[in-house]
Amino acid sequence: MLEYHEKYADIGELDHARDIIRWGSDYLLKLFIPPNATSDPIFQNVAHLSLQVGGAKNDTEGGDNDTICWQRPEDMSYVRPVSSCDMAASDLAGEVVAGLSAASLVFKDEKDYAIRLTTAAETLFELAIKEDPTKQGTYTAVDECGGDARAFYNSTSFKDDLVWGGTWLFFATGNPSYLEYASRNFSLALQEERTSERGLFYWNNKLLGSAVLLARLLYFRDLGYPYKDSFASSANMTESVLCSYLSDQSFNRTQGGLILLKPDSWSPLQYAATASFLSKLYSDYLNLLHRTGGVCRDRAFSIDYILGDNPMKMSYMVGFGGQYLLQVHHRSASIPWDGQKYLCSEGNRWLHSKDPNPNVLLGAMVGGPDKFDHFIDERDKPWFTEPSIASNAGLKCLQELYCVLHLYTYYSSANFIIIQCEME
């Protein structure tokens, strides 16, 4: 939205995209309660940050929860507890700061709303970085905060999230103290990065995203000393990582050509899509600078594999192509809308059904194939057929980048891209 908002306007999707971002921003605002913000004694002198609604634990012996109940969200009646954190959840705080800050730039024409977003982001960030360093940590390290999420989204670091939040907060406010924090702590975050995480940009590692943003500052804003050298190292790191995606020496690939950025995990498509997105964005920066070529010139990759150019001839985006999966692991998509409410105990009939989903989850990307390019289109095999917000984020950014720029060479059908953009 920030880089290509004029193109969104050209295709009539600007207001729609803003509505989506506003919905998410309002949600993030509700998650954060600053100290003394209410008369409730629970919140006196203490900041609270809600993590999630619902979870995998039973509220009572034999009770239902979000992982064992195959039920439409509209039919949910079981108790869904709220998990709450304090400022020791440094990674969670950094992510919320980044989201609020980026959104404030989208809504800079709505001054009151933008100020509300940046005020919350600044308050949360200051609380997070002033927390006792011995108490700073990951949200999943605290049982009452992220204990229930540990088995699903276990966080392994937090400095990268605070750098990510500080970088976006600088873009939103222009306050150099936030940039100073981000640039000073970037190298510390690099030291915290796991070897197996290098080259990844996803929910558990924001370093590469921050590096791209810092390189953007180097290229398009002359901030001078002391930032120039640190920004240059960020740019060098960015080019090194992005070029490594194209090297046969850095990452393994499936026989069909899919890069395996995290070979021991399922859902390989999400990492490939996000890598494509960052590569496309950074290459646009270089094009604006008339810097073509470089250490990995004449090399390129596309997202054709995701859209059907793979050994299975299967499109992993629902609704696109001549053959796409029909049994997405998604409760609402799999249960018919027939005016009846179904209990959790009745849900397994659709989970294990071999029939196609009655509701098409148009545009969703699923986890994808295994490292042998093999894919099974069965609803009860989530490692193949489950979509998620996290896994679709990179694809949606990449898809919008290509379609708003009218770059059709990476797709088999230009008409589809136009239609998809209008729907999005």
Protein backbone atom coordinates (compact mmCIF):
# COMPACT_ATOMS: atom_id res chain seq x y z
CA MET A 1 0.00 0.00 0.00
CA LEU A 2 2.76 2.46 0.88
CA GLU A 3 4.93 1.67 -2.13
CA TYR A 4 2.19 1.23 -4.75
CA HIS A 5 -0.89 3.08 -3.49
CA GLU A 6 -1.38 4.91 -6.80
CA LYS A 7 -1.66 1.61 -8.60
CA TYR A 8 -4.26 0.42 -6.08
CA ALA A 9 -6.23 3.57 -6.84
CA ASP A 10 -5.94 2.97 -10.60
CA ILE A 11 -7.67 -0.41 -10.30
CA GLY A 12 -10.29 0.83 -7.83
CA GLU A 13 -9.00 -1.17 -4.86
CA LEU A 14 -7.56 1.60 -2.66
CA ASP A 15 -10.61 1.99 -0.41
CA HIS A 16 -11.04 -1.76 -0.11
CA ALA A 17 -7.43 -2.25 0.94
CA ARG A 18 -7.69 0.61 3.43
CA ASP A 19 -10.78 -0.98 4.98
CA ILE A 20 -8.90 -4.24 5.50
CA ILE A 21 -5.96 -2.46 7.12
CA ARG A 22 -8.29 -0.41 9.33
CA TRP A 23 -9.99 -3.59 10.56
CA GLY A 24 -6.64 -5.07 11.58
CA SER A 25 -5.45 -1.80 13.10
CA ASP A 26 -8.57 -1.44 15.23
CA TYR A 27 -8.01 -4.97 16.46
CA LEU A 28 -4.40 -4.21 17.43
CA LEU A 29 -5.52 -1.09 19.29
CA LYS A 30 -7.87 -3.22 21.37
CA LEU A 31 -5.06 -5.61 22.27
CA PHE A 32 -2.99 -2.98 24.07
CA ILE A 33 -4.11 -1.41 27.36
CA PRO A 34 -1.56 1.14 28.69
CA PRO A 35 -1.07 1.56 32.44
CA ASN A 36 -3.89 3.44 34.20
CA ALA A 37 -5.93 3.58 30.98
CA THR A 38 -9.07 2.34 32.75
CA SER A 39 -10.55 2.47 36.22
CA ASP A 40 -10.28 -1.29 36.51
CA PRO A 41 -7.81 -2.01 39.34
CA ILE A 42 -6.38 -4.91 37.34
CA PHE A 43 -4.87 -2.44 34.88
CA GLN A 44 -3.55 0.09 37.39
CA ASN A 45 0.18 0.80 36.91
CA VAL A 46 0.53 -2.20 34.61
CA ALA A 47 0.39 -2.48 30.82
CA HIS A 48 -1.44 -5.42 29.29
CA LEU A 49 -1.11 -6.87 25.82
CA SER A 50 -3.61 -9.51 24.76
CA LEU A 51 -2.20 -12.34 22.71
CA GLN A 52 -5.02 -14.53 21.45
CA VAL A 53 -8.64 -15.49 21.87
CA GLY A 54 -9.24 -19.21 22.23
CA GLY A 55 -6.64 -21.92 22.10
CA ALA A 56 -5.83 -25.59 22.21
CA LYS A 57 -6.53 -26.30 25.87
CA ASN A 58 -9.82 -27.65 27.16
CA ASP A 59 -11.61 -25.36 29.59
CA THR A 60 -13.09 -28.33 31.37
CA GLU A 61 -12.30 -32.01 31.24
CA GLY A 62 -13.56 -33.28 27.92
CA GLY A 63 -14.43 -29.76 26.72
CA ASP A 64 -14.05 -28.37 23.23
CA ASN A 65 -11.34 -26.06 21.94
CA ASP A 66 -10.15 -24.49 18.72
CA THR A 67 -8.03 -27.41 17.58
CA ILE A 68 -10.37 -30.35 18.18
CA CYS A 69 -13.67 -28.75 17.19
CA TRP A 70 -14.45 -28.80 13.46
CA GLN A 71 -17.13 -26.13 13.45
CA ARG A 72 -18.00 -22.91 11.64
CA PRO A 73 -16.84 -19.82 13.58
CA GLU A 74 -20.42 -18.51 13.53
CA ASP A 75 -21.55 -21.63 15.42
CA MET A 76 -18.94 -21.50 18.20
CA SER A 77 -20.46 -21.66 21.68
CA TYR A 78 -17.64 -23.07 23.79
CA VAL A 79 -15.60 -20.84 26.09
CA ARG A 80 -12.62 -19.18 24.38
CA PRO A 81 -10.30 -17.67 27.01
CA VAL A 82 -8.11 -14.63 26.33
CA SER A 83 -4.37 -14.94 26.88
CA SER A 84 -2.77 -11.78 28.27
CA CYS A 85 0.87 -10.67 28.50
CA ASP A 86 2.92 -7.94 30.12
CA MET A 87 5.90 -6.08 28.68
CA ALA A 88 8.08 -9.17 29.07
CA ALA A 89 6.54 -10.26 25.76
CA SER A 90 9.05 -8.13 23.84
CA ASP A 91 8.56 -9.84 20.50
CA LEU A 92 4.79 -9.46 20.58
CA ALA A 93 5.13 -5.79 21.52
CA GLY A 94 7.53 -5.17 18.64
CA GLU A 95 5.17 -6.76 16.13
CA VAL A 96 2.18 -4.72 17.31
CA VAL A 97 4.29 -1.54 17.16
CA ALA A 98 5.27 -2.33 13.58
CA GLY A 99 1.68 -2.97 12.54
CA LEU A 100 0.31 0.21 14.12
CA SER A 101 3.17 2.32 12.75
CA ALA A 102 2.84 1.07 9.18
CA ALA A 103 -0.94 1.54 9.31
CA SER A 104 -0.54 5.13 10.51
CA LEU A 105 1.28 5.90 7.26
CA VAL A 106 -1.57 4.44 5.24
CA PHE A 107 -4.01 6.71 7.10
CA LYS A 108 -1.87 9.85 7.24
CA ASP A 109 -4.70 11.74 5.51
CA GLU A 110 -6.93 10.93 8.51
CA LYS A 111 -4.96 12.92 11.05
CA ASP A 112 -6.85 11.95 14.21
CA TYR A 113 -6.79 8.24 13.43
CA ALA A 114 -3.12 8.31 12.39
CA ILE A 115 -2.20 10.07 15.64
CA ARG A 116 -4.15 7.49 17.61
CA LEU A 117 -2.16 4.72 15.94
CA THR A 118 1.25 6.33 16.41
CA THR A 119 0.50 7.33 20.00
CA ALA A 120 -0.34 3.73 20.89
CA ALA A 121 2.73 2.48 19.02
CA GLU A 122 5.09 4.93 20.74
CA THR A 123 3.66 4.19 24.18
CA LEU A 124 3.96 0.45 23.68
CA PHE A 125 7.47 0.68 22.24
CA GLU A 126 8.77 2.82 25.08
CA LEU A 127 7.33 0.40 27.62
CA ALA A 128 8.85 -2.57 25.80
CA ILE A 129 12.40 -1.24 25.44
CA LYS A 130 12.46 0.17 28.98
CA GLU A 131 11.53 -3.18 30.46
CA ASP A 132 14.26 -4.64 32.66
CA PRO A 133 16.66 -6.32 30.18
CA THR A 134 16.68 -9.41 32.37
CA LYS A 135 12.91 -9.67 31.90
CA GLN A 136 12.74 -8.95 28.18
CA GLY A 137 12.01 -12.07 26.21
CA THR A 138 9.72 -14.06 23.97
CA TYR A 139 6.00 -14.32 24.55
CA THR A 140 6.02 -18.12 24.44
CA ALA A 141 8.50 -18.26 27.32
CA VAL A 142 5.72 -17.24 29.71
CA ASP A 143 3.00 -19.83 30.31
CA GLU A 144 0.12 -17.46 31.02
CA CYS A 145 1.03 -15.38 27.99
CA GLY A 146 2.04 -17.63 25.11
CA GLY A 147 2.15 -21.05 26.68
CA ASP A 148 -0.80 -22.22 24.63
CA ALA A 149 0.77 -20.91 21.43
CA ARG A 150 4.12 -22.55 22.07
CA ALA A 151 3.31 -25.71 20.13
CA PHE A 152 2.12 -23.74 17.10
CA TYR A 153 4.03 -20.44 16.86
CA ASN A 154 6.97 -20.81 19.21
CA SER A 155 9.05 -17.63 19.21
CA THR A 156 12.81 -18.09 19.35
CA SER A 157 13.97 -14.45 19.50
CA PHE A 158 12.73 -10.95 20.28
CA LYS A 159 15.39 -8.43 19.29
CA ASP A 160 14.48 -8.77 15.62
CA ASP A 161 10.87 -7.85 16.46
CA LEU A 162 11.91 -4.76 18.44
CA VAL A 163 14.20 -3.65 15.58
CA TRP A 164 11.31 -4.22 13.17
CA GLY A 165 8.99 -2.15 15.36
CA GLY A 166 11.54 0.62 15.87
CA THR A 167 12.24 0.87 12.14
CA TRP A 168 8.57 1.23 11.24
CA LEU A 169 8.08 3.69 14.10
CA PHE A 170 10.79 5.90 12.61
CA PHE A 171 9.05 5.84 9.24
CA ALA A 172 5.79 6.77 10.96
CA THR A 173 7.07 9.56 13.22
CA GLY A 174 10.43 10.75 11.89
CA ASN A 175 11.79 10.56 15.44
CA PRO A 176 15.52 9.72 15.05
CA SER A 177 15.65 8.01 18.45
CA TYR A 178 13.69 5.08 17.02
CA LEU A 179 16.04 4.78 14.08
CA GLU A 180 19.00 5.00 16.42
CA TYR A 181 17.56 2.12 18.45
CA ALA A 182 16.92 0.01 15.34
CA SER A 183 20.33 0.56 13.75
CA ARG A 184 22.18 0.06 17.06
CA ASN A 185 20.37 -3.19 17.87
CA PHE A 186 20.35 -4.67 14.38
CA SER A 187 23.73 -6.35 14.85
CA LEU A 188 22.60 -7.69 18.24
CA ALA A 189 19.52 -9.16 16.60
CA LEU A 190 21.75 -10.79 14.00
CA GLN A 191 23.67 -12.50 16.78
CA GLU A 192 20.39 -13.86 18.14
CA GLU A 193 19.36 -15.26 14.76
CA ARG A 194 19.51 -19.03 14.44
CA THR A 195 21.55 -20.49 11.62
CA SER A 196 18.49 -22.38 10.39
CA GLU A 197 16.57 -19.08 10.17
CA ARG A 198 19.01 -17.22 7.92
CA GLY A 199 17.45 -16.14 4.67
CA LEU A 200 13.93 -16.46 6.06
CA PHE A 201 11.44 -13.63 6.39
CA TYR A 202 8.34 -14.80 8.20
CA TRP A 203 6.48 -14.46 11.50
CA ASN A 204 9.45 -15.64 13.58
CA ASN A 205 12.21 -13.66 11.85
CA LYS A 206 11.93 -10.04 10.75
CA LEU A 207 15.62 -9.28 10.20
CA LEU A 208 15.57 -9.41 6.42
CA GLY A 209 12.50 -7.16 6.29
CA SER A 210 14.23 -4.62 8.51
CA ALA A 211 17.34 -4.81 6.32
CA VAL A 212 15.26 -3.97 3.24
CA LEU A 213 13.73 -0.98 5.03
CA LEU A 214 17.11 0.28 6.20
CA ALA A 215 18.49 -0.11 2.69
CA ARG A 216 15.55 1.94 1.45
CA LEU A 217 16.64 4.74 3.78
CA LEU A 218 20.19 4.50 2.44
CA TYR A 219 19.03 4.77 -1.16
CA PHE A 220 16.31 7.41 -0.90
CA ARG A 221 17.04 9.50 2.23
CA ASP A 222 20.44 11.02 2.91
CA LEU A 223 20.68 10.66 6.68
CA GLY A 224 24.47 10.77 6.73
CA TYR A 225 26.56 9.92 9.76
CA PRO A 226 26.24 7.73 11.80
CA TYR A 227 23.65 5.80 9.80
CA LYS A 228 25.26 5.53 6.39
CA ASP A 229 27.68 2.73 7.26
CA SER A 230 25.12 0.61 9.13
CA PHE A 231 22.59 1.09 6.35
CA ALA A 232 25.18 0.07 3.80
CA SER A 233 25.79 -3.16 5.69
CA SER A 234 22.03 -3.76 5.66
CA ALA A 235 21.96 -3.26 1.90
CA ASN A 236 24.90 -5.63 1.45
CA MET A 237 23.19 -8.22 3.64
CA THR A 238 19.98 -7.83 1.65
CA GLU A 239 21.68 -8.34 -1.69
CA SER A 240 23.66 -11.29 -0.37
CA VAL A 241 20.56 -13.05 0.96
CA LEU A 242 18.37 -12.33 -2.05
CA CYS A 243 21.07 -13.52 -4.41
CA SER A 244 21.48 -16.67 -2.34
CA TYR A 245 17.92 -17.57 -3.30
CA LEU A 246 19.14 -17.86 -6.88
CA SER A 247 22.29 -19.79 -6.10
CA ASP A 248 22.37 -23.54 -6.39
CA GLN A 249 24.90 -23.61 -3.54
CA SER A 250 22.85 -21.96 -0.79
CA PHE A 251 19.47 -23.69 -0.69
CA ASN A 252 18.17 -27.03 -1.84
CA ARG A 253 15.35 -27.31 -4.34
CA THR A 254 12.82 -29.93 -5.15
CA GLN A 255 13.17 -31.79 -8.42
CA GLY A 256 10.43 -29.54 -9.76
CA GLY A 257 12.31 -26.37 -8.83
CA LEU A 258 10.70 -25.23 -5.56
CA ILE A 259 13.25 -23.60 -3.24
CA LEU A 260 13.34 -25.16 0.23
CA LEU A 261 14.16 -22.30 2.57
CA LYS A 262 13.09 -24.28 5.62
CA PRO A 263 13.46 -27.89 4.49
CA ASP A 264 12.48 -29.53 7.78
CA SER A 265 9.13 -27.73 8.02
CA TRP A 266 5.86 -28.16 6.22
CA SER A 267 4.23 -25.37 4.22
CA PRO A 268 7.25 -24.61 2.00
CA LEU A 269 5.28 -22.30 -0.27
CA GLN A 270 4.95 -19.52 2.30
CA TYR A 271 8.72 -19.06 2.51
CA ALA A 272 9.14 -19.13 -1.26
CA ALA A 273 6.35 -16.57 -1.76
CA THR A 274 7.77 -14.18 0.82
CA ALA A 275 11.25 -14.52 -0.65
CA SER A 276 9.79 -13.62 -4.05
CA PHE A 277 8.00 -10.61 -2.59
CA LEU A 278 11.10 -9.14 -0.94
CA SER A 279 13.16 -9.82 -4.05
CA LYS A 280 10.64 -8.02 -6.24
CA LEU A 281 10.40 -5.05 -3.88
CA TYR A 282 14.16 -4.66 -3.56
CA SER A 283 14.66 -5.00 -7.31
CA ASP A 284 12.24 -2.10 -7.79
CA TYR A 285 14.45 0.00 -5.53
CA LEU A 286 17.45 -0.85 -7.67
CA ASN A 287 15.55 -0.08 -10.85
CA LEU A 288 14.68 3.37 -9.52
CA LEU A 289 18.38 3.89 -8.90
CA HIS A 290 19.16 2.59 -12.41
CA ARG A 291 21.23 -0.14 -10.79
CA THR A 292 20.60 -3.13 -13.00
CA GLY A 293 22.71 -6.22 -12.74
CA GLY A 294 24.82 -6.74 -9.65
CA VAL A 295 26.23 -9.89 -8.17
CA CYS A 296 23.28 -12.00 -9.27
CA ARG A 297 22.38 -10.38 -12.58
CA ASP A 298 20.67 -12.36 -15.29
CA ARG A 299 19.08 -14.65 -12.71
CA ALA A 300 15.38 -14.66 -11.90
CA PHE A 301 12.58 -16.75 -10.50
CA SER A 302 8.80 -16.55 -10.57
CA ILE A 303 5.82 -17.93 -8.67
CA ASP A 304 4.73 -20.16 -11.56
CA TYR A 305 5.38 -23.22 -9.39
CA ILE A 306 2.68 -22.13 -6.94
CA LEU A 307 0.21 -21.51 -9.75
CA GLY A 308 0.54 -24.89 -11.44
CA ASP A 309 3.93 -25.19 -13.14
CA ASN A 310 5.00 -28.12 -10.97
CA PRO A 311 5.23 -31.91 -11.31
CA MET A 312 1.72 -32.37 -9.88
CA LYS A 313 0.31 -29.80 -12.34
CA MET A 314 -1.61 -28.54 -9.33
CA SER A 315 -2.36 -24.90 -8.58
CA TYR A 316 -1.88 -24.34 -4.87
CA MET A 317 -3.97 -21.17 -5.02
CA VAL A 318 -7.64 -22.07 -4.64
CA GLY A 319 -9.74 -21.05 -7.61
CA PHE A 320 -6.90 -20.44 -10.05
CA GLY A 321 -5.90 -22.66 -12.94
CA GLY A 322 -7.32 -25.71 -14.62
CA GLN A 323 -6.57 -27.94 -11.64
CA TYR A 324 -6.54 -26.63 -8.10
CA LEU A 325 -7.09 -28.37 -4.79
CA LEU A 326 -10.68 -28.99 -3.70
CA GLN A 327 -10.35 -30.10 -0.08
CA VAL A 328 -8.82 -27.12 1.71
CA HIS A 329 -8.30 -27.74 5.44
CA HIS A 330 -10.67 -24.95 6.47
CA ARG A 331 -13.74 -25.34 8.66
CA SER A 332 -16.00 -22.70 7.10
CA ALA A 333 -15.13 -23.78 3.57
CA SER A 334 -15.89 -27.44 4.25
CA ILE A 335 -19.25 -27.11 6.07
CA PRO A 336 -22.29 -26.29 3.89
CA TRP A 337 -24.37 -23.18 4.49
CA ASP A 338 -27.76 -24.83 4.91
CA GLY A 339 -29.28 -22.77 7.71
CA GLN A 340 -28.41 -25.31 10.40
CA LYS A 341 -26.09 -24.99 13.36
CA TYR A 342 -23.72 -27.93 13.81
CA LEU A 343 -22.10 -28.97 17.07
CA CYS A 344 -18.43 -29.83 17.44
CA SER A 345 -19.37 -33.50 17.68
CA GLU A 346 -20.90 -33.32 14.22
CA GLY A 347 -17.95 -31.66 12.53
CA ASN A 348 -15.79 -34.69 11.80
CA ARG A 349 -18.19 -35.82 9.09
CA TRP A 350 -16.93 -32.90 6.99
CA LEU A 351 -13.34 -33.00 8.16
CA HIS A 352 -12.97 -36.58 6.92
CA SER A 353 -15.31 -36.30 3.94
CA LYS A 354 -13.83 -36.97 0.53
CA ASP A 355 -16.21 -34.54 -1.17
CA PRO A 356 -14.97 -31.17 -2.44
CA ASN A 357 -15.53 -28.19 -0.17
CA PRO A 358 -19.00 -26.74 -0.78
CA ASN A 359 -17.60 -23.22 -0.29
CA VAL A 360 -14.62 -22.18 -2.42
CA LEU A 361 -11.95 -20.34 -0.41
CA LEU A 362 -11.02 -18.25 -3.43
CA GLY A 363 -7.44 -16.99 -3.58
CA ALA A 364 -6.11 -18.93 -0.58
CA MET A 365 -2.70 -20.58 -0.83
CA VAL A 366 -2.21 -23.81 1.09
CA GLY A 367 0.90 -25.35 2.65
CA GLY A 368 1.92 -27.08 -0.54
CA PRO A 369 3.87 -30.20 -1.45
CA ASP A 370 6.60 -32.08 0.36
CA LYS A 371 10.28 -31.96 -0.60
CA PHE A 372 9.63 -34.56 -3.29
CA ASP A 373 7.00 -32.35 -5.00
CA HIS A 374 4.31 -34.75 -3.80
CA PHE A 375 0.94 -33.35 -2.73
CA ILE A 376 -2.22 -35.00 -1.38
CA ASP A 377 -5.47 -33.09 -1.70
CA GLU A 378 -7.18 -34.35 1.44
CA ARG A 379 -8.80 -32.15 4.06
CA ASP A 380 -7.57 -34.16 7.03
CA LYS A 381 -3.93 -33.77 5.97
CA PRO A 382 -3.29 -30.16 7.05
CA TRP A 383 0.43 -30.33 6.33
CA PHE A 384 -0.60 -30.27 2.66
CA THR A 385 -3.94 -28.46 2.53
CA GLU A 386 -4.08 -25.93 5.38
CA PRO A 387 -4.01 -22.19 4.60
CA SER A 388 -3.22 -19.53 7.18
CA ILE A 389 -2.95 -15.77 7.41
CA ALA A 390 0.78 -16.04 8.08
CA SER A 391 1.46 -18.27 5.08
CA ASN A 392 -0.70 -16.22 2.71
CA ALA A 393 0.80 -12.85 3.66
CA GLY A 394 3.81 -13.11 1.36
CA LEU A 395 1.80 -14.40 -1.58
CA LYS A 396 -0.81 -11.66 -1.28
CA CYS A 397 1.85 -8.96 -1.19
CA LEU A 398 3.61 -10.49 -4.17
CA GLN A 399 0.38 -11.02 -6.07
CA GLU A 400 -0.71 -7.42 -5.56
CA LEU A 401 2.75 -6.18 -6.51
CA TYR A 402 2.61 -7.95 -9.83
CA CYS A 403 -0.99 -7.26 -10.65
CA VAL A 404 -0.95 -3.56 -9.80
CA LEU A 405 2.20 -3.13 -11.86
CA HIS A 406 0.62 -5.06 -14.73
CA LEU A 407 3.58 -7.43 -14.99
CA TYR A 408 1.91 -10.41 -16.55
CA THR A 409 4.95 -12.30 -17.76
CA TYR A 410 5.04 -14.45 -14.62
CA TYR A 411 1.48 -15.69 -15.08
CA SER A 412 -0.19 -17.85 -17.64
CA SER A 413 -3.28 -15.65 -17.88
CA ALA A 414 -3.31 -11.86 -17.78
CA ASN A 415 -7.10 -11.83 -17.53
CA PHE A 416 -6.98 -13.78 -14.29
CA ILE A 417 -4.71 -11.23 -12.68
CA ILE A 418 -7.06 -8.40 -13.56
CA ILE A 419 -10.02 -10.31 -12.15
CA GLN A 420 -8.11 -11.31 -9.03
CA CYS A 421 -7.05 -7.72 -8.37
CA GLU A 422 -10.62 -6.53 -8.67
CA MET A 423 -11.78 -9.18 -6.22
CA GLU A 424 -8.98 -8.52 -3.75
